[in-house]
Amino acid sequence: MNQNASEKTSERVSSFKKERFHLLDTIRGVAVTGMVFFHVVFDLPDFFTVDVSFVNSNFSQIMEQVVRIVFIFLSGYCCLLGHRPLKRGLTVSAAGLLVTIVSIIAKVDPPIIFGVLTLIGACMLLSIPFRKIQKKEHFCVLCFVSLTLFILTLHIAHGYFGPLFKPLITFPEFLYSAKNPFLSAFTAFFGFPGQSFDSSDYFPLMPWFFLFMSGFGLYGWLGEKINKLPVMKLRVEPFTFLGKNALWVYLLHQPLVIGILWGILLLLK
């Protein structure tokens, strides 16, 4: 009985795979473009005397969070579309590790530890057991429970569990007091950054895994209906192209941006 149900799920996912839903690529491309924009803004002070007070404005911070939320939620939504989740998860995790190594070699201060690619790779691997869910109502529960947990753990790095700025549970200080770099990094991976931990691009498992799983659950629940909508065929270039190649764009944009800024700096001298 379980085998038959599993085969039906595989057939459903395979049927989705035959067709490309360009709107998903388009939205992903817009999110990636937003990430590149913010990285360019953060890089500018290292090369030019540029006022980047915009980065610290409320509008900028809100937009940065929107870009993050869209990208990670969409990654979870698209997860069931792909085959070989183990291979895909390991590949993205390896890409995240590569980003960390390059940032250390390039002496980025602080280096990129537990960046978005590391998070997405880990989420893909952790979501594998959930692919065995068969009933849509169970995916519905998964979606809403995950979304609720995301909201409640949004400020876990600041020491509490609760919606918005209303703590329901305050976590013990020892979770954030690790001074040993390795222990601090270990707790930081789960959302409890220790005193010696710092990263230029930090995406811990909590709360972001829950956001990923809310997208995962939404696809399992309503994916069949959503994918039949005519708007799913919408293409908006170049965003659609960037979305299809999001991994490569994320891997290559930073050295390209730094190279371009460096070239401009040399021309102006």
C-alpha atoms as a PDB file:
ATOM      1  CA  MET A   1       0.000   0.000   0.000  1.00  0.00           C
ATOM      2  CA  ASN A   2       2.838   2.388   0.914  1.00  0.00           C
ATOM      3  CA  GLN A   3       4.710   1.409  -2.229  1.00  0.00           C
ATOM      4  CA  ASN A   4       1.713   2.247  -4.429  1.00  0.00           C
ATOM      5  CA  ALA A   5       1.286   5.592  -2.697  1.00  0.00           C
ATOM      6  CA  SER A   6       4.985   6.325  -3.115  1.00  0.00           C
ATOM      7  CA  GLU A   7       4.781   5.489  -6.822  1.00  0.00           C
ATOM      8  CA  LYS A   8       1.832   7.882  -7.229  1.00  0.00           C
ATOM      9  CA  THR A   9       3.782  10.650  -5.527  1.00  0.00           C
ATOM     10  CA  SER A  10       6.775  10.019  -7.785  1.00  0.00           C
ATOM     11  CA  GLU A  11       4.530  10.097 -10.853  1.00  0.00           C
ATOM     12  CA  ARG A  12       2.988  13.394  -9.712  1.00  0.00           C
ATOM     13  CA  VAL A  13       6.384  15.003  -9.144  1.00  0.00           C
ATOM     14  CA  SER A  14       7.697  13.612 -12.462  1.00  0.00           C
ATOM     15  CA  SER A  15       4.734  15.055 -14.354  1.00  0.00           C
ATOM     16  CA  PHE A  16       5.553  18.485 -12.902  1.00  0.00           C
ATOM     17  CA  LYS A  17       9.189  18.049 -13.920  1.00  0.00           C
ATOM     18  CA  LYS A  18       8.323  17.658 -17.605  1.00  0.00           C
ATOM     19  CA  GLU A  19       7.116  21.249 -17.733  1.00  0.00           C
ATOM     20  CA  ARG A  20       9.042  24.368 -16.783  1.00  0.00           C
ATOM     21  CA  PHE A  21       7.145  26.861 -14.665  1.00  0.00           C
ATOM     22  CA  HIS A  22       8.779  30.076 -15.806  1.00  0.00           C
ATOM     23  CA  LEU A  23       7.112  32.274 -13.182  1.00  0.00           C
ATOM     24  CA  LEU A  24       9.070  30.438 -10.461  1.00  0.00           C
ATOM     25  CA  ASP A  25      12.322  31.154 -12.302  1.00  0.00           C
ATOM     26  CA  THR A  26      11.266  34.772 -12.794  1.00  0.00           C
ATOM     27  CA  ILE A  27      10.545  35.334  -9.090  1.00  0.00           C
ATOM     28  CA  ARG A  28      13.785  33.579  -8.141  1.00  0.00           C
ATOM     29  CA  GLY A  29      15.639  35.784 -10.632  1.00  0.00           C
ATOM     30  CA  VAL A  30      14.192  38.935  -9.049  1.00  0.00           C
ATOM     31  CA  ALA A  31      15.254  37.694  -5.589  1.00  0.00           C
ATOM     32  CA  VAL A  32      18.786  36.883  -6.793  1.00  0.00           C
ATOM     33  CA  THR A  33      19.017  40.323  -8.392  1.00  0.00           C
ATOM     34  CA  GLY A  34      18.074  41.824  -5.040  1.00  0.00           C
ATOM     35  CA  MET A  35      20.831  39.850  -3.321  1.00  0.00           C
ATOM     36  CA  VAL A  36      23.389  41.012  -5.883  1.00  0.00           C
ATOM     37  CA  PHE A  37      22.258  44.618  -5.414  1.00  0.00           C
ATOM     38  CA  PHE A  38      22.744  44.517  -1.659  1.00  0.00           C
ATOM     39  CA  HIS A  39      26.159  42.863  -2.027  1.00  0.00           C
ATOM     40  CA  VAL A  40      27.227  45.630  -4.436  1.00  0.00           C
ATOM     41  CA  VAL A  41      26.098  48.275  -1.945  1.00  0.00           C
ATOM     42  CA  PHE A  42      28.053  46.584   0.845  1.00  0.00           C
ATOM     43  CA  ASP A  43      31.180  46.349  -1.358  1.00  0.00           C
ATOM     44  CA  LEU A  44      31.198  50.017  -2.402  1.00  0.00           C
ATOM     45  CA  PRO A  45      32.803  51.432   0.791  1.00  0.00           C
ATOM     46  CA  ASP A  46      35.779  49.080   0.332  1.00  0.00           C
ATOM     47  CA  PHE A  47      36.650  50.737  -3.002  1.00  0.00           C
ATOM     48  CA  PHE A  48      35.213  54.257  -2.992  1.00  0.00           C
ATOM     49  CA  THR A  49      34.270  57.002  -0.563  1.00  0.00           C
ATOM     50  CA  VAL A  50      30.572  56.395  -0.921  1.00  0.00           C
ATOM     51  CA  ASP A  51      27.766  57.216   1.479  1.00  0.00           C
ATOM     52  CA  VAL A  52      25.941  53.922   2.096  1.00  0.00           C
ATOM     53  CA  SER A  53      23.671  55.145   4.867  1.00  0.00           C
ATOM     54  CA  PHE A  54      20.891  53.700   2.687  1.00  0.00           C
ATOM     55  CA  VAL A  55      21.957  50.245   3.926  1.00  0.00           C
ATOM     56  CA  ASN A  56      21.083  51.181   7.494  1.00  0.00           C
ATOM     57  CA  SER A  57      17.715  52.717   6.645  1.00  0.00           C
ATOM     58  CA  ASN A  58      14.511  50.992   7.691  1.00  0.00           C
ATOM     59  CA  PHE A  59      13.406  50.678   4.046  1.00  0.00           C
ATOM     60  CA  SER A  60      16.672  48.981   3.050  1.00  0.00           C
ATOM     61  CA  GLN A  61      16.511  46.515   5.927  1.00  0.00           C
ATOM     62  CA  ILE A  62      12.894  45.649   5.159  1.00  0.00           C
ATOM     63  CA  MET A  63      13.677  45.096   1.478  1.00  0.00           C
ATOM     64  CA  GLU A  64      16.655  42.913   2.335  1.00  0.00           C
ATOM     65  CA  GLN A  65      14.456  40.734   4.548  1.00  0.00           C
ATOM     66  CA  VAL A  66      11.801  40.505   1.820  1.00  0.00           C
ATOM     67  CA  VAL A  67      14.425  39.302  -0.668  1.00  0.00           C
ATOM     68  CA  ARG A  68      15.658  36.685   1.801  1.00  0.00           C
ATOM     69  CA  ILE A  69      12.158  35.460   2.631  1.00  0.00           C
ATOM     70  CA  VAL A  70      11.104  35.168  -1.014  1.00  0.00           C
ATOM     71  CA  PHE A  71      14.271  33.313  -2.015  1.00  0.00           C
ATOM     72  CA  ILE A  72      14.184  30.762   0.811  1.00  0.00           C
ATOM     73  CA  PHE A  73      10.419  30.193   0.676  1.00  0.00           C
ATOM     74  CA  LEU A  74      10.627  29.656  -3.077  1.00  0.00           C
ATOM     75  CA  SER A  75      13.547  27.249  -2.625  1.00  0.00           C
ATOM     76  CA  GLY A  76      11.357  25.141  -0.364  1.00  0.00           C
ATOM     77  CA  TYR A  77       8.403  25.377  -2.758  1.00  0.00           C
ATOM     78  CA  CYS A  78      10.538  24.171  -5.689  1.00  0.00           C
ATOM     79  CA  CYS A  79      12.235  21.408  -3.720  1.00  0.00           C
ATOM     80  CA  LEU A  80       9.658  18.741  -4.607  1.00  0.00           C
ATOM     81  CA  LEU A  81      10.011  19.606  -8.287  1.00  0.00           C
ATOM     82  CA  GLY A  82      13.531  18.211  -8.395  1.00  0.00           C
ATOM     83  CA  HIS A  83      14.785  14.641  -8.535  1.00  0.00           C
ATOM     84  CA  ARG A  84      17.805  13.243  -6.668  1.00  0.00           C
ATOM     85  CA  PRO A  85      17.373  15.460  -3.580  1.00  0.00           C
ATOM     86  CA  LEU A  86      20.404  13.912  -1.877  1.00  0.00           C
ATOM     87  CA  LYS A  87      22.703  14.778  -4.783  1.00  0.00           C
ATOM     88  CA  ARG A  88      21.197  18.242  -5.143  1.00  0.00           C
ATOM     89  CA  GLY A  89      21.460  18.945  -1.417  1.00  0.00           C
ATOM     90  CA  LEU A  90      25.091  17.838  -1.284  1.00  0.00           C
ATOM     91  CA  THR A  91      25.915  19.919  -4.369  1.00  0.00           C
ATOM     92  CA  VAL A  92      24.427  23.106  -2.929  1.00  0.00           C
ATOM     93  CA  SER A  93      26.089  22.412   0.455  1.00  0.00           C
ATOM     94  CA  ALA A  94      29.437  22.004  -1.308  1.00  0.00           C
ATOM     95  CA  ALA A  95      28.840  25.311  -3.096  1.00  0.00           C
ATOM     96  CA  GLY A  96      28.185  26.936   0.273  1.00  0.00           C
ATOM     97  CA  LEU A  97      31.420  25.491   1.656  1.00  0.00           C
ATOM     98  CA  LEU A  98      33.274  26.810  -1.399  1.00  0.00           C
ATOM     99  CA  VAL A  99      31.926  30.308  -0.738  1.00  0.00           C
ATOM    100  CA  THR A 100      33.171  30.080   2.863  1.00  0.00           C
ATOM    101  CA  ILE A 101      36.653  28.912   1.803  1.00  0.00           C
ATOM    102  CA  VAL A 102      36.974  31.611  -0.859  1.00  0.00           C
ATOM    103  CA  SER A 103      35.855  34.308   1.595  1.00  0.00           C
ATOM    104  CA  ILE A 104      38.552  33.172   4.046  1.00  0.00           C
ATOM    105  CA  ILE A 105      41.250  33.092   1.341  1.00  0.00           C
ATOM    106  CA  ALA A 106      40.150  36.514   0.072  1.00  0.00           C
ATOM    107  CA  LYS A 107      40.328  37.795   3.666  1.00  0.00           C
ATOM    108  CA  VAL A 108      36.737  38.966   3.753  1.00  0.00           C
ATOM    109  CA  ASP A 109      36.198  40.438   7.211  1.00  0.00           C
ATOM    110  CA  PRO A 110      34.292  38.698   8.640  1.00  0.00           C
ATOM    111  CA  PRO A 111      34.213  35.649   6.333  1.00  0.00           C
ATOM    112  CA  ILE A 112      30.964  34.156   5.059  1.00  0.00           C
ATOM    113  CA  ILE A 113      30.058  31.321   7.429  1.00  0.00           C
ATOM    114  CA  PHE A 114      26.679  29.601   7.166  1.00  0.00           C
ATOM    115  CA  GLY A 115      25.605  31.681   4.193  1.00  0.00           C
ATOM    116  CA  VAL A 116      22.440  31.179   2.186  1.00  0.00           C
ATOM    117  CA  LEU A 117      23.824  28.311   0.057  1.00  0.00           C
ATOM    118  CA  THR A 118      24.885  26.378   3.150  1.00  0.00           C
ATOM    119  CA  LEU A 119      21.382  26.865   4.528  1.00  0.00           C
ATOM    120  CA  ILE A 120      19.590  25.793   1.331  1.00  0.00           C
ATOM    121  CA  GLY A 121      21.788  22.694   1.011  1.00  0.00           C
ATOM    122  CA  ALA A 122      21.106  21.697   4.620  1.00  0.00           C
ATOM    123  CA  CYS A 123      17.363  22.304   4.197  1.00  0.00           C
ATOM    124  CA  MET A 124      17.279  20.121   1.075  1.00  0.00           C
ATOM    125  CA  LEU A 125      18.939  17.279   2.949  1.00  0.00           C
ATOM    126  CA  LEU A 126      16.739  17.645   6.037  1.00  0.00           C
ATOM    127  CA  SER A 127      13.579  17.747   3.913  1.00  0.00           C
ATOM    128  CA  ILE A 128      14.225  14.334   2.323  1.00  0.00           C
ATOM    129  CA  PRO A 129      12.209  12.362   4.946  1.00  0.00           C
ATOM    130  CA  PHE A 130       9.236  14.702   4.389  1.00  0.00           C
ATOM    131  CA  ARG A 131       9.071  13.659   0.730  1.00  0.00           C
ATOM    132  CA  LYS A 132       7.412  10.444   1.947  1.00  0.00           C
ATOM    133  CA  ILE A 133       4.274  12.355   2.981  1.00  0.00           C
ATOM    134  CA  GLN A 134       1.366  11.195   0.816  1.00  0.00           C
ATOM    135  CA  LYS A 135      -1.753  13.088   1.905  1.00  0.00           C
ATOM    136  CA  LYS A 136      -2.304  16.694   0.906  1.00  0.00           C
ATOM    137  CA  GLU A 137      -3.873  17.518   4.250  1.00  0.00           C
ATOM    138  CA  HIS A 138      -0.625  16.487   5.932  1.00  0.00           C
ATOM    139  CA  PHE A 139       1.283  18.859   3.652  1.00  0.00           C
ATOM    140  CA  CYS A 140      -1.220  21.541   4.655  1.00  0.00           C
ATOM    141  CA  VAL A 141      -0.450  20.963   8.340  1.00  0.00           C
ATOM    142  CA  LEU A 142       3.273  20.983   7.575  1.00  0.00           C
ATOM    143  CA  CYS A 143       2.917  24.323   5.779  1.00  0.00           C
ATOM    144  CA  PHE A 144       1.075  26.107   8.584  1.00  0.00           C
ATOM    145  CA  VAL A 145       3.069  24.579  11.448  1.00  0.00           C
ATOM    146  CA  SER A 146       6.333  25.490   9.724  1.00  0.00           C
ATOM    147  CA  LEU A 147       5.161  29.036   9.010  1.00  0.00           C
ATOM    148  CA  THR A 148       4.103  29.449  12.646  1.00  0.00           C
ATOM    149  CA  LEU A 149       7.468  28.184  13.891  1.00  0.00           C
ATOM    150  CA  PHE A 150       9.252  30.549  11.501  1.00  0.00           C
ATOM    151  CA  ILE A 151       7.405  33.522  12.982  1.00  0.00           C
ATOM    152  CA  LEU A 152       8.025  32.358  16.542  1.00  0.00           C
ATOM    153  CA  THR A 153      11.755  31.700  16.030  1.00  0.00           C
ATOM    154  CA  LEU A 154      12.435  34.787  13.896  1.00  0.00           C
ATOM    155  CA  HIS A 155      14.369  36.433  16.743  1.00  0.00           C
ATOM    156  CA  ILE A 156      16.062  33.354  18.114  1.00  0.00           C
ATOM    157  CA  ALA A 157      19.500  34.872  17.448  1.00  0.00           C
ATOM    158  CA  HIS A 158      18.501  37.684  19.823  1.00  0.00           C
ATOM    159  CA  GLY A 159      17.717  35.276  22.631  1.00  0.00           C
ATOM    160  CA  TYR A 160      13.998  34.707  22.630  1.00  0.00           C
ATOM    161  CA  PHE A 161      11.105  32.695  21.202  1.00  0.00           C
ATOM    162  CA  GLY A 162       7.980  34.630  20.331  1.00  0.00           C
ATOM    163  CA  PRO A 163       6.136  36.634  17.646  1.00  0.00           C
ATOM    164  CA  LEU A 164       7.599  39.952  16.479  1.00  0.00           C
ATOM    165  CA  PHE A 165       9.087  41.716  19.503  1.00  0.00           C
ATOM    166  CA  LYS A 166       7.083  39.906  22.184  1.00  0.00           C
ATOM    167  CA  PRO A 167       9.193  37.234  23.924  1.00  0.00           C
ATOM    168  CA  LEU A 168       7.274  34.184  25.071  1.00  0.00           C
ATOM    169  CA  ILE A 169      10.346  32.208  26.086  1.00  0.00           C
ATOM    170  CA  THR A 170      13.808  33.611  26.818  1.00  0.00           C
ATOM    171  CA  PHE A 171      16.572  31.163  25.993  1.00  0.00           C
ATOM    172  CA  PRO A 172      19.337  30.550  28.575  1.00  0.00           C
ATOM    173  CA  GLU A 173      22.446  32.687  28.142  1.00  0.00           C
ATOM    174  CA  PHE A 174      24.809  29.706  27.974  1.00  0.00           C
ATOM    175  CA  LEU A 175      23.508  28.940  24.468  1.00  0.00           C
ATOM    176  CA  TYR A 176      25.029  32.230  23.305  1.00  0.00           C
ATOM    177  CA  SER A 177      28.093  32.394  25.569  1.00  0.00           C
ATOM    178  CA  ALA A 178      30.448  29.965  23.788  1.00  0.00           C
ATOM    179  CA  LYS A 179      33.892  31.563  23.396  1.00  0.00           C
ATOM    180  CA  ASN A 180      35.537  28.597  21.707  1.00  0.00           C
ATOM    181  CA  PRO A 181      35.382  29.288  17.928  1.00  0.00           C
ATOM    182  CA  PHE A 182      34.352  25.734  17.033  1.00  0.00           C
ATOM    183  CA  LEU A 183      31.693  25.467  19.742  1.00  0.00           C
ATOM    184  CA  SER A 184      30.451  28.944  18.880  1.00  0.00           C
ATOM    185  CA  ALA A 185      30.153  27.976  15.206  1.00  0.00           C
ATOM    186  CA  PHE A 186      28.329  24.764  16.138  1.00  0.00           C
ATOM    187  CA  THR A 187      25.652  26.567  18.159  1.00  0.00           C
ATOM    188  CA  ALA A 188      25.473  29.336  15.542  1.00  0.00           C
ATOM    189  CA  PHE A 189      24.528  26.809  12.870  1.00  0.00           C
ATOM    190  CA  PHE A 190      21.305  26.080  14.783  1.00  0.00           C
ATOM    191  CA  GLY A 191      20.566  29.750  15.514  1.00  0.00           C
ATOM    192  CA  PHE A 192      22.473  30.407  18.746  1.00  0.00           C
ATOM    193  CA  PRO A 193      25.544  32.488  17.753  1.00  0.00           C
ATOM    194  CA  GLY A 194      28.234  32.486  20.420  1.00  0.00           C
ATOM    195  CA  GLN A 195      30.411  35.424  21.443  1.00  0.00           C
ATOM    196  CA  SER A 196      33.244  34.549  19.061  1.00  0.00           C
ATOM    197  CA  PHE A 197      31.006  33.979  16.029  1.00  0.00           C
ATOM    198  CA  ASP A 198      30.705  36.504  13.232  1.00  0.00           C
ATOM    199  CA  SER A 199      29.723  36.191   9.582  1.00  0.00           C
ATOM    200  CA  SER A 200      29.183  38.523   6.619  1.00  0.00           C
ATOM    201  CA  ASP A 201      26.178  36.470   5.503  1.00  0.00           C
ATOM    202  CA  TYR A 202      24.485  34.479   8.276  1.00  0.00           C
ATOM    203  CA  PHE A 203      21.540  32.124   7.686  1.00  0.00           C
ATOM    204  CA  PRO A 204      21.106  29.688  10.615  1.00  0.00           C
ATOM    205  CA  LEU A 205      18.772  26.693  10.529  1.00  0.00           C
ATOM    206  CA  MET A 206      16.376  28.473  12.855  1.00  0.00           C
ATOM    207  CA  PRO A 207      14.291  30.278  11.779  1.00  0.00           C
ATOM    208  CA  TRP A 208      15.052  29.751   8.067  1.00  0.00           C
ATOM    209  CA  PHE A 209      14.522  25.985   7.904  1.00  0.00           C
ATOM    210  CA  PHE A 210      10.914  26.530   8.986  1.00  0.00           C
ATOM    211  CA  LEU A 211      10.383  29.063   6.200  1.00  0.00           C
ATOM    212  CA  PHE A 212      11.845  26.595   3.696  1.00  0.00           C
ATOM    213  CA  MET A 213       9.517  23.867   4.948  1.00  0.00           C
ATOM    214  CA  SER A 214       6.479  26.135   4.751  1.00  0.00           C
ATOM    215  CA  GLY A 215       7.175  26.517   1.031  1.00  0.00           C
ATOM    216  CA  PHE A 216       7.793  22.773   0.783  1.00  0.00           C
ATOM    217  CA  GLY A 217       4.459  22.090   2.457  1.00  0.00           C
ATOM    218  CA  LEU A 218       2.595  24.578   0.256  1.00  0.00           C
ATOM    219  CA  TYR A 219       3.816  22.834  -2.881  1.00  0.00           C
ATOM    220  CA  GLY A 220       2.774  19.410  -1.607  1.00  0.00           C
ATOM    221  CA  TRP A 221      -0.614  20.815  -0.622  1.00  0.00           C
ATOM    222  CA  LEU A 222      -1.560  23.087  -3.539  1.00  0.00           C
ATOM    223  CA  GLY A 223       1.207  22.582  -6.090  1.00  0.00           C
ATOM    224  CA  GLU A 224      -0.971  20.680  -8.572  1.00  0.00           C
ATOM    225  CA  LYS A 225      -3.531  23.508  -8.681  1.00  0.00           C
ATOM    226  CA  ILE A 226      -1.027  26.354  -8.706  1.00  0.00           C
ATOM    227  CA  ASN A 227       1.024  24.848 -11.524  1.00  0.00           C
ATOM    228  CA  LYS A 228      -2.052  24.749 -13.794  1.00  0.00           C
ATOM    229  CA  LEU A 229      -2.528  28.520 -13.604  1.00  0.00           C
ATOM    230  CA  PRO A 230      -1.738  30.327 -16.901  1.00  0.00           C
ATOM    231  CA  VAL A 231       0.427  32.856 -15.033  1.00  0.00           C
ATOM    232  CA  MET A 232       2.949  30.091 -14.292  1.00  0.00           C
ATOM    233  CA  LYS A 233       4.091  30.385 -17.936  1.00  0.00           C
ATOM    234  CA  LEU A 234       5.059  34.045 -17.467  1.00  0.00           C
ATOM    235  CA  ARG A 235       8.606  34.887 -18.570  1.00  0.00           C
ATOM    236  CA  VAL A 236      10.275  38.209 -17.807  1.00  0.00           C
ATOM    237  CA  GLU A 237      13.805  38.320 -19.135  1.00  0.00           C
ATOM    238  CA  PRO A 238      16.492  38.630 -17.940  1.00  0.00           C
ATOM    239  CA  PHE A 239      15.013  37.615 -14.574  1.00  0.00           C
ATOM    240  CA  THR A 240      13.808  34.245 -15.879  1.00  0.00           C
ATOM    241  CA  PHE A 241      17.304  33.428 -17.137  1.00  0.00           C
ATOM    242  CA  LEU A 242      18.892  34.502 -13.845  1.00  0.00           C
ATOM    243  CA  GLY A 243      16.398  32.390 -11.918  1.00  0.00           C
ATOM    244  CA  LYS A 244      17.193  29.286 -13.972  1.00  0.00           C
ATOM    245  CA  ASN A 245      20.875  29.772 -13.202  1.00  0.00           C
ATOM    246  CA  ALA A 246      20.523  31.089  -9.653  1.00  0.00           C
ATOM    247  CA  LEU A 247      23.253  28.863  -8.179  1.00  0.00           C
ATOM    248  CA  TRP A 248      25.847  29.994 -10.714  1.00  0.00           C
ATOM    249  CA  VAL A 249      24.767  33.626 -10.417  1.00  0.00           C
ATOM    250  CA  TYR A 250      25.203  33.523  -6.659  1.00  0.00           C
ATOM    251  CA  LEU A 251      28.582  31.782  -6.895  1.00  0.00           C
ATOM    252  CA  LEU A 252      30.030  34.080  -9.554  1.00  0.00           C
ATOM    253  CA  HIS A 253      28.490  37.476  -8.850  1.00  0.00           C
ATOM    254  CA  GLN A 254      30.693  38.441  -5.911  1.00  0.00           C
ATOM    255  CA  PRO A 255      34.087  37.963  -7.640  1.00  0.00           C
ATOM    256  CA  LEU A 256      32.651  39.638 -10.762  1.00  0.00           C
ATOM    257  CA  VAL A 257      31.360  42.603  -8.752  1.00  0.00           C
ATOM    258  CA  ILE A 258      34.675  42.994  -6.925  1.00  0.00           C
ATOM    259  CA  GLY A 259      36.569  42.690 -10.234  1.00  0.00           C
ATOM    260  CA  ILE A 260      34.419  45.366 -11.893  1.00  0.00           C
ATOM    261  CA  LEU A 261      34.723  47.755  -8.935  1.00  0.00           C
ATOM    262  CA  TRP A 262      38.468  47.158  -8.817  1.00  0.00           C
ATOM    263  CA  GLY A 263      38.720  47.903 -12.564  1.00  0.00           C
ATOM    264  CA  ILE A 264      36.740  51.138 -12.164  1.00  0.00           C
ATOM    265  CA  LEU A 265      38.988  52.155  -9.283  1.00  0.00           C
ATOM    266  CA  LEU A 266      42.121  51.622 -11.421  1.00  0.00           C
ATOM    267  CA  LEU A 267      40.642  53.657 -14.318  1.00  0.00           C
ATOM    268  CA  LEU A 268      39.840  56.554 -12.016  1.00  0.00           C
ATOM    269  CA  LYS A 269      43.368  56.722 -10.609  1.00  0.00           C
END
